């Protein structure tokens, strides 16, 4: 564990420094996200923060591998199967990162991006042998997926990648959720003595924290597709890996990332039922509705942090509970989100909506209302 301290600190420092450099308009990688009629941020803002997060993780992985190879030269750091599997995970992550970064720079067709994500998912399933084979029901049967395991696993990976992208729409949201969510995954990796999960999640969490210092409201930089899609895909991969290695049941990571999973899934399901194009930009996610009802972005994101920490606590309790208590925890979790959904409706009814102004004349002025002082992003690509 002590050998991870230096690489983890390096992940934080390098991410902070790289993000700070990318915030500058003089950076040759200063790719701007411009406001439009369907976004929430008020002025052009760099969207290359994902480069800092993913880059810092890769730097730390290289340093950790080097240190472990030197200190434990007489024996392999990981079992052979786990080591080769880690290579496939990193390769698929980099494939998605490169394509998503190109998309941030010049735009790519949705079909091409989805195709690459599907290919990366097949790499994970074929190269690592990762599939979600069953879903346990506390107090009930375990649902065996059988032949459906492969398509379900592919869909899970693609959905996690894209819902992370959908939810990367508010200053500090995706960065803070990544730090909190991957920190909880690191706990489970440590508790199960599973080094692959522990190492990767610690580095991602620290990289996200370094980025968050520049992304917290009011943000100077956004994560972009290269960051959100890559991290979402990695979260999905670790979910399936943790289930296969018996680190936790599938409900544990679902609960941890449920503020993202449920908001995106419920919102897009509603849009699909209304025959709206789910891949088009919109401002209908629950967190967006709260901001548009008058909450400041900082207040909203802090509330989301509290919800995710609480969900992570429920996941820990679930993991250590017996079957009866697991069922009670799941019911509590469902009821909590139903109550939160009703609370959003109450906020919408009582609060005076804050109009968002995208006029170029306004974007270069100081705006007096608190919600408008924070720069908020709406990432909309699939």
Protein backbone atom coordinates (compact mmCIF):
# COMPACT_ATOMS: atom_id res chain seq x y z
CA UNK A 1 0.00 0.00 0.00
CA UNK A 2 2.81 2.43 0.85
CA UNK A 3 4.28 1.88 -2.62
CA UNK A 4 1.16 3.47 -4.08
CA UNK A 5 1.55 6.74 -2.18
CA UNK A 6 4.13 8.30 -4.49
CA UNK A 7 2.32 7.38 -7.75
CA UNK A 8 -0.99 8.56 -6.26
CA UNK A 9 0.52 11.91 -5.29
CA UNK A 10 2.00 12.12 -8.79
CA UNK A 11 -1.45 11.50 -10.28
CA UNK A 12 -2.87 14.41 -8.30
CA UNK A 13 -0.02 16.83 -8.95
CA UNK A 14 0.35 16.03 -12.66
CA UNK A 15 -3.41 16.29 -13.19
CA UNK A 16 -3.54 19.63 -11.36
CA UNK A 17 -0.60 21.01 -13.34
CA UNK A 18 -1.78 19.72 -16.71
CA UNK A 19 -5.30 21.02 -16.11
CA UNK A 20 -3.94 24.42 -15.12
CA UNK A 21 -1.88 24.53 -18.33
CA UNK A 22 -4.87 23.53 -20.45
CA UNK A 23 -7.00 26.28 -18.87
CA UNK A 24 -4.87 28.90 -20.57
CA UNK A 25 -6.21 30.25 -23.88
CA UNK A 26 -2.60 30.20 -25.07
CA UNK A 27 -2.44 26.41 -24.82
CA UNK A 28 -2.15 24.78 -28.24
CA UNK A 29 -4.74 22.28 -26.97
CA UNK A 30 -7.21 24.98 -25.97
CA UNK A 31 -10.30 23.50 -27.64
CA UNK A 32 -13.30 25.58 -26.64
CA UNK A 33 -16.85 24.54 -25.89
CA UNK A 34 -19.05 27.35 -27.23
CA UNK A 35 -22.44 28.22 -25.70
CA UNK A 36 -25.53 27.61 -27.79
CA UNK A 37 -29.28 27.55 -27.32
CA UNK A 38 -29.20 24.16 -25.61
CA UNK A 39 -26.21 24.58 -23.27
CA UNK A 40 -25.95 26.05 -19.80
CA UNK A 41 -22.51 27.65 -19.77
CA UNK A 42 -22.31 31.35 -20.61
CA UNK A 43 -18.91 31.80 -22.28
CA UNK A 44 -16.49 29.74 -24.40
CA UNK A 45 -14.56 27.40 -22.10
CA UNK A 46 -11.72 24.90 -22.75
CA UNK A 47 -12.94 21.30 -22.82
CA UNK A 48 -9.69 19.32 -22.73
CA UNK A 49 -9.58 18.52 -19.00
CA UNK A 50 -9.97 14.82 -19.76
CA UNK A 51 -6.50 14.87 -21.26
CA UNK A 52 -5.09 15.86 -17.87
CA UNK A 53 -7.03 13.19 -15.98
CA UNK A 54 -6.27 10.29 -18.33
CA UNK A 55 -2.68 11.47 -18.85
CA UNK A 56 -2.02 11.64 -15.12
CA UNK A 57 -3.45 8.13 -14.65
CA UNK A 58 -1.17 6.72 -17.36
CA UNK A 59 1.90 8.47 -15.88
CA UNK A 60 1.11 7.07 -12.43
CA UNK A 61 0.50 3.56 -13.78
CA UNK A 62 3.91 3.60 -15.45
CA UNK A 63 5.60 4.79 -12.25
CA UNK A 64 3.77 2.24 -10.10
CA UNK A 65 4.64 -0.61 -12.47
CA UNK A 66 8.30 0.48 -12.44
CA UNK A 67 8.44 0.70 -8.64
CA UNK A 68 6.75 -2.66 -8.16
CA UNK A 69 9.03 -4.29 -10.73
CA UNK A 70 12.09 -3.00 -8.86
CA UNK A 71 10.91 -3.76 -5.33
CA UNK A 72 9.30 -7.12 -6.13
CA UNK A 73 11.65 -8.23 -8.90
CA UNK A 74 11.71 -11.81 -7.63
CA UNK A 75 7.98 -12.40 -8.21
CA UNK A 76 5.30 -11.11 -10.54
CA UNK A 77 3.20 -8.23 -9.24
CA UNK A 78 -0.02 -9.76 -10.54
CA UNK A 79 -1.01 -13.28 -11.58
CA UNK A 80 -0.43 -13.86 -15.27
CA UNK A 81 -4.12 -13.73 -16.23
CA UNK A 82 -4.73 -10.53 -14.28
CA UNK A 83 -1.63 -8.87 -15.75
CA UNK A 84 -2.63 -9.61 -19.35
CA UNK A 85 -6.18 -8.55 -18.60
CA UNK A 86 -4.93 -5.20 -17.31
CA UNK A 87 -3.16 -4.59 -20.61
CA UNK A 88 -6.41 -5.15 -22.51
CA UNK A 89 -8.26 -2.80 -20.17
CA UNK A 90 -5.71 -0.03 -20.69
CA UNK A 91 -5.67 -0.62 -24.46
CA UNK A 92 -9.45 -0.34 -24.76
CA UNK A 93 -9.47 2.75 -22.56
CA UNK A 94 -6.84 4.45 -24.73
CA UNK A 95 -8.75 3.54 -27.92
CA UNK A 96 -11.86 5.28 -26.62
CA UNK A 97 -9.83 8.22 -25.34
CA UNK A 98 -8.14 8.87 -28.69
CA UNK A 99 -11.37 8.72 -30.69
CA UNK A 100 -13.22 10.88 -28.15
CA UNK A 101 -10.41 13.44 -28.16
CA UNK A 102 -10.57 13.66 -31.94
CA UNK A 103 -14.32 14.13 -31.57
CA UNK A 104 -13.72 17.01 -29.15
CA UNK A 105 -11.36 18.60 -31.69
CA UNK A 106 -13.28 18.25 -34.95
CA UNK A 107 -16.48 16.28 -34.36
CA UNK A 108 -17.17 12.72 -35.48
CA UNK A 109 -20.39 10.95 -36.54
CA UNK A 110 -22.31 9.32 -33.70
CA UNK A 111 -22.25 6.02 -35.58
CA UNK A 112 -18.44 6.02 -35.67
CA UNK A 113 -18.17 6.84 -31.97
CA UNK A 114 -20.64 4.14 -31.01
CA UNK A 115 -18.85 1.68 -33.27
CA UNK A 116 -15.53 2.36 -31.55
CA UNK A 117 -17.16 1.99 -28.14
CA UNK A 118 -18.66 -1.34 -29.20
CA UNK A 119 -15.25 -2.47 -30.48
CA UNK A 120 -13.64 -1.49 -27.17
CA UNK A 121 -16.35 -3.43 -25.33
CA UNK A 122 -15.61 -6.48 -27.47
CA UNK A 123 -11.91 -6.10 -26.63
CA UNK A 124 -12.80 -6.20 -22.94
CA UNK A 125 -15.06 -9.22 -23.37
CA UNK A 126 -12.80 -11.13 -25.77
CA UNK A 127 -9.39 -10.15 -24.41
CA UNK A 128 -10.18 -10.20 -20.71
CA UNK A 129 -13.18 -12.54 -20.72
CA UNK A 130 -15.30 -10.06 -18.78
CA UNK A 131 -19.03 -10.66 -18.87
CA UNK A 132 -21.83 -10.07 -16.42
CA UNK A 133 -23.14 -13.61 -16.14
CA UNK A 134 -25.73 -13.24 -13.38
CA UNK A 135 -27.72 -10.74 -11.32
CA UNK A 136 -28.48 -11.73 -7.70
CA UNK A 137 -31.77 -10.69 -6.11
CA UNK A 138 -31.41 -10.37 -2.30
CA UNK A 139 -33.86 -12.73 -0.63
CA UNK A 140 -34.73 -14.20 -4.01
CA UNK A 141 -33.22 -16.08 -6.95
CA UNK A 142 -30.09 -15.28 -8.90
CA UNK A 143 -30.93 -14.45 -12.49
CA UNK A 144 -28.60 -16.30 -14.84
CA UNK A 145 -28.09 -14.37 -18.08
CA UNK A 146 -26.79 -17.30 -20.11
CA UNK A 147 -26.45 -16.39 -23.80
CA UNK A 148 -27.55 -12.84 -23.00
CA UNK A 149 -24.41 -12.25 -20.92
CA UNK A 150 -22.33 -10.94 -23.83
CA UNK A 151 -24.85 -8.47 -25.30
CA UNK A 152 -25.84 -7.30 -21.81
CA UNK A 153 -22.18 -6.70 -20.96
CA UNK A 154 -21.59 -4.76 -24.20
CA UNK A 155 -24.65 -2.61 -23.55
CA UNK A 156 -23.57 -1.99 -19.96
CA UNK A 157 -20.13 -0.77 -21.03
CA UNK A 158 -21.52 1.47 -23.78
CA UNK A 159 -24.23 2.83 -21.50
CA UNK A 160 -21.81 3.64 -18.67
CA UNK A 161 -19.56 5.48 -21.13
CA UNK A 162 -22.39 7.56 -22.54
CA UNK A 163 -24.31 8.27 -19.35
CA UNK A 164 -21.09 9.68 -17.90
CA UNK A 165 -21.01 11.93 -20.96
CA UNK A 166 -24.66 12.90 -20.56
CA UNK A 167 -24.13 13.77 -16.89
CA UNK A 168 -20.96 15.80 -17.48
CA UNK A 169 -23.08 18.92 -17.72
CA UNK A 170 -22.35 21.01 -14.63
CA UNK A 171 -19.21 22.51 -13.12
CA UNK A 172 -17.59 20.08 -10.72
CA UNK A 173 -20.17 17.35 -11.32
CA UNK A 174 -18.34 14.64 -13.25
CA UNK A 175 -14.99 15.48 -11.61
CA UNK A 176 -16.40 15.27 -8.09
CA UNK A 177 -18.45 12.17 -8.81
CA UNK A 178 -15.36 10.49 -10.27
CA UNK A 179 -13.33 11.27 -7.16
CA UNK A 180 -16.08 10.02 -4.83
CA UNK A 181 -17.11 6.99 -6.90
CA UNK A 182 -13.63 5.69 -7.64
CA UNK A 183 -12.61 6.27 -4.02
CA UNK A 184 -15.37 3.90 -2.95
CA UNK A 185 -14.25 1.37 -5.58
CA UNK A 186 -10.71 1.71 -4.18
CA UNK A 187 -12.04 0.79 -0.75
CA UNK A 188 -13.56 -2.40 -2.11
CA UNK A 189 -10.33 -3.21 -3.99
CA UNK A 190 -8.39 -2.76 -0.76
CA UNK A 191 -10.92 -4.72 1.31
CA UNK A 192 -10.81 -7.64 -1.13
CA UNK A 193 -7.00 -7.38 -1.55
CA UNK A 194 -7.48 -7.03 -5.30
CA UNK A 195 -4.52 -4.88 -6.46
CA UNK A 196 -5.71 -4.17 -10.02
CA UNK A 197 -8.86 -2.41 -8.85
CA UNK A 198 -7.10 -0.71 -5.96
CA UNK A 199 -4.31 0.74 -8.10
CA UNK A 200 -6.44 1.92 -11.01
CA UNK A 201 -9.18 3.45 -8.87
CA UNK A 202 -6.78 5.32 -6.58
CA UNK A 203 -5.01 6.89 -9.54
CA UNK A 204 -8.26 7.84 -11.27
CA UNK A 205 -9.62 9.34 -8.04
CA UNK A 206 -6.49 11.41 -7.47
CA UNK A 207 -6.36 12.50 -11.10
CA UNK A 208 -10.00 13.59 -10.86
CA UNK A 209 -9.24 15.54 -7.69
CA UNK A 210 -6.43 17.46 -9.39
CA UNK A 211 -8.77 18.31 -12.26
CA UNK A 212 -11.61 19.22 -9.89
CA UNK A 213 -9.61 22.07 -8.34
CA UNK A 214 -9.95 23.87 -11.70
CA UNK A 215 -13.42 22.55 -12.54
CA UNK A 216 -15.28 23.34 -9.32
CA UNK A 217 -17.81 26.17 -9.78
CA UNK A 218 -17.08 28.49 -11.44
CA UNK A 219 -15.18 26.14 -13.78
CA UNK A 220 -12.19 27.26 -15.81
CA UNK A 221 -12.18 24.06 -17.87
CA UNK A 222 -14.45 21.13 -18.73
CA UNK A 223 -13.69 17.42 -18.95
CA UNK A 224 -14.89 16.95 -22.53
CA UNK A 225 -15.84 13.70 -24.22
CA UNK A 226 -12.27 12.43 -24.01
CA UNK A 227 -12.51 12.46 -20.23
CA UNK A 228 -16.15 11.64 -19.50
CA UNK A 229 -16.59 8.80 -22.00
CA UNK A 230 -13.23 7.21 -21.13
CA UNK A 231 -13.86 7.36 -17.38
CA UNK A 232 -17.42 6.09 -17.80
CA UNK A 233 -16.21 3.13 -19.86
CA UNK A 234 -13.54 2.38 -17.27
CA UNK A 235 -16.15 2.51 -14.48
CA UNK A 236 -18.28 -0.02 -16.37
CA UNK A 237 -15.24 -2.26 -16.91
CA UNK A 238 -14.35 -2.22 -13.22
CA UNK A 239 -17.97 -2.96 -12.31
CA UNK A 240 -17.91 -6.18 -14.33
CA UNK A 241 -14.36 -7.05 -13.26
CA UNK A 242 -15.28 -6.63 -9.59
CA UNK A 243 -18.28 -8.93 -10.00
CA UNK A 244 -16.23 -11.59 -11.79
CA UNK A 245 -13.48 -11.52 -9.17
CA UNK A 246 -16.08 -11.60 -6.35
CA UNK A 247 -14.97 -8.22 -5.03
CA UNK A 248 -18.64 -7.22 -4.77
CA UNK A 249 -22.10 -7.92 -6.19
CA UNK A 250 -23.31 -5.87 -9.14
CA UNK A 251 -25.63 -3.85 -6.88
CA UNK A 252 -22.64 -2.32 -5.09
CA UNK A 253 -21.19 -0.30 -8.01
CA UNK A 254 -24.70 0.44 -9.29
CA UNK A 255 -25.52 2.06 -5.95
CA UNK A 256 -22.23 3.97 -5.90
CA UNK A 257 -22.79 5.52 -9.33
CA UNK A 258 -26.59 5.66 -9.06
CA UNK A 259 -26.80 9.49 -9.06
CA UNK A 260 -25.45 9.28 -12.62
CA UNK A 261 -27.09 6.02 -13.65
CA UNK A 262 -30.62 6.76 -12.49
CA UNK A 263 -30.75 10.41 -13.57
CA UNK A 264 -29.55 9.62 -17.10
CA UNK A 265 -31.61 6.44 -17.47
CA UNK A 266 -34.89 7.90 -16.18
CA UNK A 267 -34.50 11.16 -18.12
CA UNK A 268 -33.70 9.51 -21.43
CA UNK A 269 -36.41 6.90 -20.95
CA UNK A 270 -38.93 9.72 -20.51
CA UNK A 271 -37.63 11.38 -23.68
CA UNK A 272 -37.89 8.12 -25.59
CA UNK A 273 -41.50 7.65 -24.50
CA UNK A 274 -42.25 11.17 -25.72
CA UNK A 275 -40.63 10.21 -29.04
CA UNK A 276 -37.86 12.74 -28.62
CA UNK A 277 -34.39 12.02 -29.96
CA UNK A 278 -32.41 10.89 -26.94
CA UNK A 279 -29.08 11.71 -28.57
CA UNK A 280 -29.94 15.38 -29.03
CA UNK A 281 -28.89 18.07 -26.55
CA UNK A 282 -31.41 18.97 -23.88
CA UNK A 283 -31.76 20.41 -20.40
CA UNK A 284 -34.06 17.84 -18.82
CA UNK A 285 -31.75 15.98 -16.45
CA UNK A 286 -32.77 16.38 -12.82
CA UNK A 287 -29.67 18.36 -11.88
CA UNK A 288 -30.27 20.72 -14.83
CA UNK A 289 -33.87 21.23 -13.81
CA UNK A 290 -32.75 22.22 -10.31
CA UNK A 291 -30.28 24.77 -11.70
CA UNK A 292 -32.88 26.17 -14.11
CA UNK A 293 -35.25 26.53 -11.15
CA UNK A 294 -32.88 28.92 -9.44
CA UNK A 295 -30.39 26.89 -7.41
CA UNK A 296 -26.80 27.99 -7.80
CA UNK A 297 -24.49 25.54 -9.49
CA UNK A 298 -22.31 25.26 -6.41
CA UNK A 299 -25.28 24.45 -4.18
CA UNK A 300 -26.55 21.88 -6.67
CA UNK A 301 -23.23 20.10 -7.08
CA UNK A 302 -22.64 19.99 -3.32
CA UNK A 303 -26.07 18.41 -2.90
CA UNK A 304 -25.16 15.84 -5.58
CA UNK A 305 -21.91 15.07 -3.72
CA UNK A 306 -23.90 14.45 -0.54
CA UNK A 307 -26.25 12.09 -2.38
CA UNK A 308 -23.37 10.13 -3.89
CA UNK A 309 -21.53 9.83 -0.57
CA UNK A 310 -24.74 8.55 1.00
CA UNK A 311 -25.19 6.05 -1.85
CA UNK A 312 -21.60 4.92 -1.41
CA UNK A 313 -22.29 4.40 2.29
CA UNK A 314 -25.34 2.31 1.41
CA UNK A 315 -23.16 0.25 -0.93
CA UNK A 316 -20.68 -0.44 1.87
CA UNK A 317 -23.50 -1.45 4.22
CA UNK A 318 -25.00 -3.67 1.52
CA UNK A 319 -21.69 -5.40 0.93
CA UNK A 320 -21.27 -6.32 4.60
CA UNK A 321 -24.96 -7.10 5.34
CA UNK A 322 -26.84 -10.39 5.34
CA UNK A 323 -29.55 -11.20 2.78
CA UNK A 324 -32.39 -9.68 4.79
CA UNK A 325 -30.63 -6.40 5.38
CA UNK A 326 -29.47 -6.27 1.75
CA UNK A 327 -33.10 -6.31 0.63
CA UNK A 328 -33.95 -3.55 3.14
CA UNK A 329 -31.01 -1.45 1.90
CA UNK A 330 -32.07 -1.85 -1.73
CA UNK A 331 -35.63 -0.79 -0.90
CA UNK A 332 -34.31 2.21 1.06
CA UNK A 333 -32.16 3.18 -1.91
CA UNK A 334 -35.09 3.02 -4.34
CA UNK A 335 -37.39 4.98 -2.01
CA UNK A 336 -34.71 7.64 -1.53
CA UNK A 337 -34.42 8.33 -5.25
CA UNK A 338 -38.20 8.37 -5.67
CA UNK A 339 -38.33 10.99 -2.90
CA UNK A 340 -35.52 13.00 -4.53
CA UNK A 341 -37.43 12.99 -7.82
CA UNK A 342 -40.48 14.39 -6.06
CA UNK A 343 -38.28 16.99 -4.35
CA UNK A 344 -37.05 18.23 -7.73
CA UNK A 345 -40.67 18.74 -8.81
CA UNK A 346 -41.34 20.71 -5.62
CA UNK A 347 -38.30 22.91 -6.29
CA UNK A 348 -39.52 23.54 -9.84
CA UNK A 349 -42.98 24.56 -8.65
CA UNK A 350 -41.77 26.89 -5.89
CA UNK A 351 -38.71 28.50 -7.41
CA UNK A 352 -38.60 31.24 -10.00
CA UNK A 353 -36.72 29.94 -13.04
CA UNK A 354 -33.49 31.70 -13.94
CA UNK A 355 -33.28 32.51 -17.67
CA UNK A 356 -30.04 31.59 -19.40
CA UNK A 357 -28.69 34.26 -21.73
CA UNK A 358 -26.43 33.31 -24.61
CA UNK A 359 -26.08 36.73 -26.25
CA UNK A 360 -22.44 37.56 -27.06
CA UNK A 361 -22.99 40.94 -25.43
CA UNK A 362 -23.89 39.26 -22.15
CA UNK A 363 -21.19 36.61 -22.18
CA UNK A 364 -18.44 39.16 -21.67
CA UNK A 365 -20.17 40.93 -18.80
CA UNK A 366 -20.52 40.19 -15.12
CA UNK A 367 -23.95 38.71 -14.50
CA UNK A 368 -25.43 39.56 -11.10
CA UNK A 369 -27.54 36.49 -10.36
CA UNK A 370 -25.73 33.71 -8.48
CA UNK A 371 -26.61 30.86 -10.83
CA UNK A 372 -25.32 32.84 -13.80
CA UNK A 373 -21.96 33.49 -12.14
CA UNK A 374 -20.98 29.86 -12.47
CA UNK A 375 -20.00 28.50 -15.85
CA UNK A 376 -21.91 25.30 -16.46
CA UNK A 377 -21.41 22.84 -19.26
CA UNK A 378 -23.88 20.66 -21.11
CA UNK A 379 -22.18 17.73 -22.82
CA UNK A 380 -24.56 16.13 -25.24
CA UNK A 381 -22.81 13.72 -27.58
CA UNK A 382 -23.42 10.00 -27.53
